[in-house]
Amino acid sequence: PSGHHGDVDNELIRSLIEWLGETRPS
């Protein structure tokens, strides 16, 4: 939050959703 001041773009959100869907817990 200190780096984007509330702005997270849709492409990042989509990429993160996809990435999380392929992960496992540490």
PDB file of all heavy atoms in Angstrom:
ATOM      1  N   PRO A   1       0.798  -1.232   0.000  1.00  0.00           N
ATOM      2  CA  PRO A   1       0.000   0.000   0.000  1.00  0.00           C
ATOM      3  C   PRO A   1       0.829   1.280   0.000  1.00  0.00           C
ATOM      4  O   PRO A   1       0.354   2.323  -0.430  1.00  0.00           O
ATOM      5  CB  PRO A   1      -0.847  -0.100   1.270  1.00  0.00           C
ATOM      6  CG  PRO A   1      -0.263  -1.185   2.080  1.00  0.00           C
ATOM      7  CD  PRO A   1       0.578  -2.046   1.184  1.00  0.00           C
ATOM      8  N   SER A   2       2.065   1.211   0.423  1.00  0.00           N
ATOM      9  CA  SER A   2       2.878   2.423   0.412  1.00  0.00           C
ATOM     10  C   SER A   2       3.394   2.726  -0.994  1.00  0.00           C
ATOM     11  O   SER A   2       3.828   3.842  -1.264  1.00  0.00           O
ATOM     12  CB  SER A   2       4.066   2.288   1.369  1.00  0.00           C
ATOM     13  OG  SER A   2       4.952   1.274   0.931  1.00  0.00           O
ATOM     14  N   GLY A   3       3.301   1.747  -1.892  1.00  0.00           N
ATOM     15  CA  GLY A   3       3.838   1.948  -3.227  1.00  0.00           C
ATOM     16  C   GLY A   3       2.826   2.282  -4.303  1.00  0.00           C
ATOM     17  O   GLY A   3       3.164   2.838  -5.331  1.00  0.00           O
ATOM     18  N   HIS A   4       1.550   1.953  -4.091  1.00  0.00           N
ATOM     19  CA  HIS A   4       0.590   2.162  -5.177  1.00  0.00           C
ATOM     20  C   HIS A   4      -0.543   3.117  -4.832  1.00  0.00           C
ATOM     21  O   HIS A   4      -1.356   3.434  -5.677  1.00  0.00           O
ATOM     22  CB  HIS A   4       0.008   0.828  -5.655  1.00  0.00           C
ATOM     23  CG  HIS A   4      -0.765   0.088  -4.616  1.00  0.00           C
ATOM     24  ND1 HIS A   4      -2.006   0.465  -4.208  1.00  0.00           N
ATOM     25  CD2 HIS A   4      -0.469  -1.020  -3.907  1.00  0.00           C
ATOM     26  CE1 HIS A   4      -2.447  -0.375  -3.296  1.00  0.00           C
ATOM     27  NE2 HIS A   4      -1.528  -1.285  -3.088  1.00  0.00           N
ATOM     28  N   HIS A   5      -0.600   3.554  -3.618  1.00  0.00           N
ATOM     29  CA  HIS A   5      -1.597   4.546  -3.213  1.00  0.00           C
ATOM     30  C   HIS A   5      -3.022   4.131  -3.593  1.00  0.00           C
ATOM     31  O   HIS A   5      -3.820   4.945  -4.030  1.00  0.00           O
ATOM     32  CB  HIS A   5      -1.268   5.919  -3.795  1.00  0.00           C
ATOM     33  CG  HIS A   5       0.133   6.337  -3.510  1.00  0.00           C
ATOM     34  ND1 HIS A   5       0.557   6.663  -2.244  1.00  0.00           N
ATOM     35  CD2 HIS A   5       1.215   6.431  -4.323  1.00  0.00           C
ATOM     36  CE1 HIS A   5       1.843   6.967  -2.285  1.00  0.00           C
ATOM     37  NE2 HIS A   5       2.273   6.838  -3.519  1.00  0.00           N
ATOM     38  N   GLY A   6      -3.310   2.834  -3.441  1.00  0.00           N
ATOM     39  CA  GLY A   6      -4.659   2.350  -3.686  1.00  0.00           C
ATOM     40  C   GLY A   6      -4.941   1.893  -5.098  1.00  0.00           C
ATOM     41  O   GLY A   6      -5.997   1.348  -5.363  1.00  0.00           O
ATOM     42  N   ASP A   7      -4.018   2.109  -6.019  1.00  0.00           N
ATOM     43  CA  ASP A   7      -4.257   1.743  -7.408  1.00  0.00           C
ATOM     44  C   ASP A   7      -3.553   0.438  -7.762  1.00  0.00           C
ATOM     45  O   ASP A   7      -2.324   0.375  -7.770  1.00  0.00           O
ATOM     46  CB  ASP A   7      -3.752   2.836  -8.360  1.00  0.00           C
ATOM     47  CG  ASP A   7      -4.519   4.133  -8.179  1.00  0.00           C
ATOM     48  OD1 ASP A   7      -5.709   4.061  -7.851  1.00  0.00           O
ATOM     49  OD2 ASP A   7      -3.923   5.205  -8.369  1.00  0.00           O
ATOM     50  N   VAL A   8      -4.338  -0.596  -8.020  1.00  0.00           N
ATOM     51  CA  VAL A   8      -3.816  -1.871  -8.503  1.00  0.00           C
ATOM     52  C   VAL A   8      -4.579  -2.160  -9.784  1.00  0.00           C
ATOM     53  O   VAL A   8      -5.808  -2.204  -9.786  1.00  0.00           O
ATOM     54  CB  VAL A   8      -4.019  -2.998  -7.467  1.00  0.00           C
ATOM     55  CG1 VAL A   8      -3.554  -4.326  -8.008  1.00  0.00           C
ATOM     56  CG2 VAL A   8      -3.291  -2.666  -6.168  1.00  0.00           C
ATOM     57  N   ASP A   9      -3.859  -2.328 -10.886  1.00  0.00           N
ATOM     58  CA  ASP A   9      -4.562  -2.464 -12.160  1.00  0.00           C
ATOM     59  C   ASP A   9      -5.159  -3.858 -12.361  1.00  0.00           C
ATOM     60  O   ASP A   9      -4.778  -4.830 -11.708  1.00  0.00           O
ATOM     61  CB  ASP A   9      -3.679  -2.047 -13.338  1.00  0.00           C
ATOM     62  CG  ASP A   9      -2.531  -2.995 -13.634  1.00  0.00           C
ATOM     63  OD1 ASP A   9      -2.564  -4.152 -13.194  1.00  0.00           O
ATOM     64  OD2 ASP A   9      -1.608  -2.575 -14.340  1.00  0.00           O
ATOM     65  N   ASN A  10      -6.129  -3.921 -13.253  1.00  0.00           N
ATOM     66  CA  ASN A  10      -6.861  -5.156 -13.502  1.00  0.00           C
ATOM     67  C   ASN A  10      -5.960  -6.279 -13.995  1.00  0.00           C
ATOM     68  O   ASN A  10      -6.177  -7.443 -13.654  1.00  0.00           O
ATOM     69  CB  ASN A  10      -7.986  -4.915 -14.511  1.00  0.00           C
ATOM     70  CG  ASN A  10      -9.120  -4.109 -13.922  1.00  0.00           C
ATOM     71  OD1 ASN A  10      -9.219  -3.938 -12.709  1.00  0.00           O
ATOM     72  ND2 ASN A  10      -9.986  -3.593 -14.776  1.00  0.00           N
ATOM     73  N   GLU A  11      -4.949  -5.967 -14.779  1.00  0.00           N
ATOM     74  CA  GLU A  11      -4.039  -6.999 -15.291  1.00  0.00           C
ATOM     75  C   GLU A  11      -3.286  -7.670 -14.142  1.00  0.00           C
ATOM     76  O   GLU A  11      -3.133  -8.886 -14.119  1.00  0.00           O
ATOM     77  CB  GLU A  11      -3.059  -6.388 -16.300  1.00  0.00           C
ATOM     78  CG  GLU A  11      -2.154  -7.418 -16.949  1.00  0.00           C
ATOM     79  CD  GLU A  11      -2.914  -8.502 -17.711  1.00  0.00           C
ATOM     80  OE1 GLU A  11      -3.965  -8.201 -18.306  1.00  0.00           O
ATOM     81  OE2 GLU A  11      -2.448  -9.661 -17.695  1.00  0.00           O
ATOM     82  N   LEU A  12      -2.840  -6.870 -13.194  1.00  0.00           N
ATOM     83  CA  LEU A  12      -2.159  -7.429 -12.025  1.00  0.00           C
ATOM     84  C   LEU A  12      -3.107  -8.329 -11.244  1.00  0.00           C
ATOM     85  O   LEU A  12      -2.731  -9.427 -10.825  1.00  0.00           O
ATOM     86  CB  LEU A  12      -1.627  -6.322 -11.119  1.00  0.00           C
ATOM     87  CG  LEU A  12      -1.036  -6.863  -9.818  1.00  0.00           C
ATOM     88  CD1 LEU A  12       0.395  -7.307 -10.023  1.00  0.00           C
ATOM     89  CD2 LEU A  12      -1.164  -5.884  -8.702  1.00  0.00           C
ATOM     90  N   ILE A  13      -4.328  -7.877 -11.045  1.00  0.00           N
ATOM     91  CA  ILE A  13      -5.317  -8.666 -10.302  1.00  0.00           C
ATOM     92  C   ILE A  13      -5.561  -9.997 -11.000  1.00  0.00           C
ATOM     93  O   ILE A  13      -5.544 -11.056 -10.368  1.00  0.00           O
ATOM     94  CB  ILE A  13      -6.629  -7.872 -10.128  1.00  0.00           C
ATOM     95  CG1 ILE A  13      -6.394  -6.700  -9.172  1.00  0.00           C
ATOM     96  CG2 ILE A  13      -7.752  -8.772  -9.626  1.00  0.00           C
ATOM     97  CD1 ILE A  13      -7.545  -5.722  -9.078  1.00  0.00           C
ATOM     98  N   ARG A  14      -5.752  -9.957 -12.306  1.00  0.00           N
ATOM     99  CA  ARG A  14      -5.977 -11.203 -13.053  1.00  0.00           C
ATOM    100  C   ARG A  14      -4.768 -12.135 -12.970  1.00  0.00           C
ATOM    101  O   ARG A  14      -4.915 -13.348 -12.793  1.00  0.00           O
ATOM    102  CB  ARG A  14      -6.315 -10.891 -14.504  1.00  0.00           C
ATOM    103  CG  ARG A  14      -7.690 -10.297 -14.679  1.00  0.00           C
ATOM    104  CD  ARG A  14      -8.037 -10.094 -16.157  1.00  0.00           C
ATOM    105  NE  ARG A  14      -9.310  -9.461 -16.298  1.00  0.00           N
ATOM    106  CZ  ARG A  14      -9.484  -8.159 -16.538  1.00  0.00           C
ATOM    107  NH1 ARG A  14      -8.447  -7.365 -16.698  1.00  0.00           N
ATOM    108  NH2 ARG A  14     -10.692  -7.649 -16.634  1.00  0.00           N
ATOM    109  N   SER A  15      -3.586 -11.579 -13.099  1.00  0.00           N
ATOM    110  CA  SER A  15      -2.357 -12.385 -13.019  1.00  0.00           C
ATOM    111  C   SER A  15      -2.211 -13.022 -11.641  1.00  0.00           C
ATOM    112  O   SER A  15      -1.829 -14.190 -11.521  1.00  0.00           O
ATOM    113  CB  SER A  15      -1.129 -11.526 -13.305  1.00  0.00           C
ATOM    114  OG  SER A  15      -1.135 -11.054 -14.614  1.00  0.00           O
ATOM    115  N   LEU A  16      -2.512 -12.258 -10.608  1.00  0.00           N
ATOM    116  CA  LEU A  16      -2.395 -12.776  -9.248  1.00  0.00           C
ATOM    117  C   LEU A  16      -3.417 -13.884  -8.998  1.00  0.00           C
ATOM    118  O   LEU A  16      -3.091 -14.905  -8.392  1.00  0.00           O
ATOM    119  CB  LEU A  16      -2.550 -11.648  -8.235  1.00  0.00           C
ATOM    120  CG  LEU A  16      -2.402 -12.028  -6.759  1.00  0.00           C
ATOM    121  CD1 LEU A  16      -1.109 -12.786  -6.487  1.00  0.00           C
ATOM    122  CD2 LEU A  16      -2.495 -10.777  -5.892  1.00  0.00           C
ATOM    123  N   ILE A  17      -4.642 -13.709  -9.470  1.00  0.00           N
ATOM    124  CA  ILE A  17      -5.662 -14.749  -9.318  1.00  0.00           C
ATOM    125  C   ILE A  17      -5.197 -16.031 -10.001  1.00  0.00           C
ATOM    126  O   ILE A  17      -5.287 -17.127  -9.429  1.00  0.00           O
ATOM    127  CB  ILE A  17      -7.024 -14.278  -9.869  1.00  0.00           C
ATOM    128  CG1 ILE A  17      -7.632 -13.204  -8.964  1.00  0.00           C
ATOM    129  CG2 ILE A  17      -7.988 -15.461 -10.020  1.00  0.00           C
ATOM    130  CD1 ILE A  17      -8.849 -12.509  -9.538  1.00  0.00           C
ATOM    131  N   GLU A  18      -4.694 -15.907 -11.211  1.00  0.00           N
ATOM    132  CA  GLU A  18      -4.210 -17.078 -11.945  1.00  0.00           C
ATOM    133  C   GLU A  18      -3.050 -17.746 -11.199  1.00  0.00           C
ATOM    134  O   GLU A  18      -3.013 -18.967 -11.044  1.00  0.00           O
ATOM    135  CB  GLU A  18      -3.771 -16.663 -13.346  1.00  0.00           C
ATOM    136  CG  GLU A  18      -3.300 -17.822 -14.190  1.00  0.00           C
ATOM    137  CD  GLU A  18      -2.888 -17.377 -15.584  1.00  0.00           C
ATOM    138  OE1 GLU A  18      -3.353 -16.325 -16.065  1.00  0.00           O
ATOM    139  OE2 GLU A  18      -2.080 -18.097 -16.190  1.00  0.00           O
ATOM    140  N   TRP A  19      -2.098 -16.943 -10.750  1.00  0.00           N
ATOM    141  CA  TRP A  19      -0.929 -17.467 -10.054  1.00  0.00           C
ATOM    142  C   TRP A  19      -1.327 -18.171  -8.760  1.00  0.00           C
ATOM    143  O   TRP A  19      -0.857 -19.281  -8.479  1.00  0.00           O
ATOM    144  CB  TRP A  19       0.029 -16.312  -9.773  1.00  0.00           C
ATOM    145  CG  TRP A  19       1.348 -16.709  -9.184  1.00  0.00           C
ATOM    146  CD1 TRP A  19       2.404 -17.275  -9.830  1.00  0.00           C
ATOM    147  CD2 TRP A  19       1.748 -16.536  -7.825  1.00  0.00           C
ATOM    148  NE1 TRP A  19       3.440 -17.459  -8.953  1.00  0.00           N
ATOM    149  CE2 TRP A  19       3.066 -17.011  -7.712  1.00  0.00           C
ATOM    150  CE3 TRP A  19       1.127 -16.005  -6.702  1.00  0.00           C
ATOM    151  CZ2 TRP A  19       3.768 -16.986  -6.517  1.00  0.00           C
ATOM    152  CZ3 TRP A  19       1.832 -15.975  -5.510  1.00  0.00           C
ATOM    153  CH2 TRP A  19       3.135 -16.464  -5.425  1.00  0.00           C
ATOM    154  N   LEU A  20      -2.207 -17.551  -7.968  1.00  0.00           N
ATOM    155  CA  LEU A  20      -2.645 -18.172  -6.719  1.00  0.00           C
ATOM    156  C   LEU A  20      -3.359 -19.496  -6.966  1.00  0.00           C
ATOM    157  O   LEU A  20      -3.240 -20.426  -6.164  1.00  0.00           O
ATOM    158  CB  LEU A  20      -3.570 -17.229  -5.942  1.00  0.00           C
ATOM    159  CG  LEU A  20      -2.895 -16.082  -5.210  1.00  0.00           C
ATOM    160  CD1 LEU A  20      -3.948 -15.124  -4.657  1.00  0.00           C
ATOM    161  CD2 LEU A  20      -1.984 -16.595  -4.098  1.00  0.00           C
ATOM    162  N   GLY A  21      -4.085 -19.584  -8.074  1.00  0.00           N
ATOM    163  CA  GLY A  21      -4.804 -20.804  -8.395  1.00  0.00           C
ATOM    164  C   GLY A  21      -3.897 -21.989  -8.663  1.00  0.00           C
ATOM    165  O   GLY A  21      -4.335 -23.147  -8.617  1.00  0.00           O
ATOM    166  N   GLU A  22      -2.626 -21.726  -8.901  1.00  0.00           N
ATOM    167  CA  GLU A  22      -1.668 -22.792  -9.208  1.00  0.00           C
ATOM    168  C   GLU A  22      -0.676 -23.024  -8.071  1.00  0.00           C
ATOM    169  O   GLU A  22       0.341 -23.679  -8.260  1.00  0.00           O
ATOM    170  CB  GLU A  22      -0.902 -22.419 -10.476  1.00  0.00           C
ATOM    171  CG  GLU A  22      -1.801 -22.268 -11.687  1.00  0.00           C
ATOM    172  CD  GLU A  22      -1.074 -21.686 -12.889  1.00  0.00           C
ATOM    173  OE1 GLU A  22       0.116 -21.332 -12.779  1.00  0.00           O
ATOM    174  OE2 GLU A  22      -1.722 -21.577 -13.939  1.00  0.00           O
ATOM    175  N   THR A  23      -0.974 -22.505  -6.894  1.00  0.00           N
ATOM    176  CA  THR A  23      -0.015 -22.569  -5.801  1.00  0.00           C
ATOM    177  C   THR A  23      -0.390 -23.597  -4.753  1.00  0.00           C
ATOM    178  O   THR A  23      -1.469 -24.175  -4.773  1.00  0.00           O
ATOM    179  CB  THR A  23       0.105 -21.193  -5.108  1.00  0.00           C
ATOM    180  OG1 THR A  23      -1.164 -20.854  -4.539  1.00  0.00           O
ATOM    181  CG2 THR A  23       0.570 -20.123  -6.069  1.00  0.00           C
ATOM    182  N   ARG A  24       0.532 -23.766  -3.828  1.00  0.00           N
ATOM    183  CA  ARG A  24       0.316 -24.593  -2.648  1.00  0.00           C
ATOM    184  C   ARG A  24       0.834 -23.797  -1.455  1.00  0.00           C
ATOM    185  O   ARG A  24       1.607 -22.860  -1.623  1.00  0.00           O
ATOM    186  CB  ARG A  24       1.046 -25.912  -2.774  1.00  0.00           C
ATOM    187  CG  ARG A  24       2.562 -25.757  -2.801  1.00  0.00           C
ATOM    188  CD  ARG A  24       3.276 -27.085  -2.643  1.00  0.00           C
ATOM    189  NE  ARG A  24       4.708 -26.898  -2.565  1.00  0.00           N
ATOM    190  CZ  ARG A  24       5.379 -26.522  -1.482  1.00  0.00           C
ATOM    191  NH1 ARG A  24       4.736 -26.265  -0.375  1.00  0.00           N
ATOM    192  NH2 ARG A  24       6.684 -26.388  -1.492  1.00  0.00           N
ATOM    193  N   PRO A  25       0.449 -24.193  -0.243  1.00  0.00           N
ATOM    194  CA  PRO A  25       0.951 -23.464   0.921  1.00  0.00           C
ATOM    195  C   PRO A  25       2.412 -23.808   1.189  1.00  0.00           C
ATOM    196  O   PRO A  25       2.863 -24.920   0.917  1.00  0.00           O
ATOM    197  CB  PRO A  25       0.054 -23.956   2.060  1.00  0.00           C
ATOM    198  CG  PRO A  25      -0.366 -25.327   1.640  1.00  0.00           C
ATOM    199  CD  PRO A  25      -0.471 -25.264   0.140  1.00  0.00           C
ATOM    200  N   SER A  26       3.136 -22.854   1.714  1.00  0.00           N
ATOM    201  CA  SER A  26       4.512 -23.135   2.139  1.00  0.00           C
ATOM    202  C   SER A  26       4.462 -23.956   3.430  1.00  0.00           C
ATOM    203  O   SER A  26       3.459 -23.956   4.142  1.00  0.00           O
ATOM    204  CB  SER A  26       5.267 -21.834   2.385  1.00  0.00           C
ATOM    205  OG  SER A  26       4.702 -21.147   3.487  1.00  0.00           O
TER     206      SER A  26
END
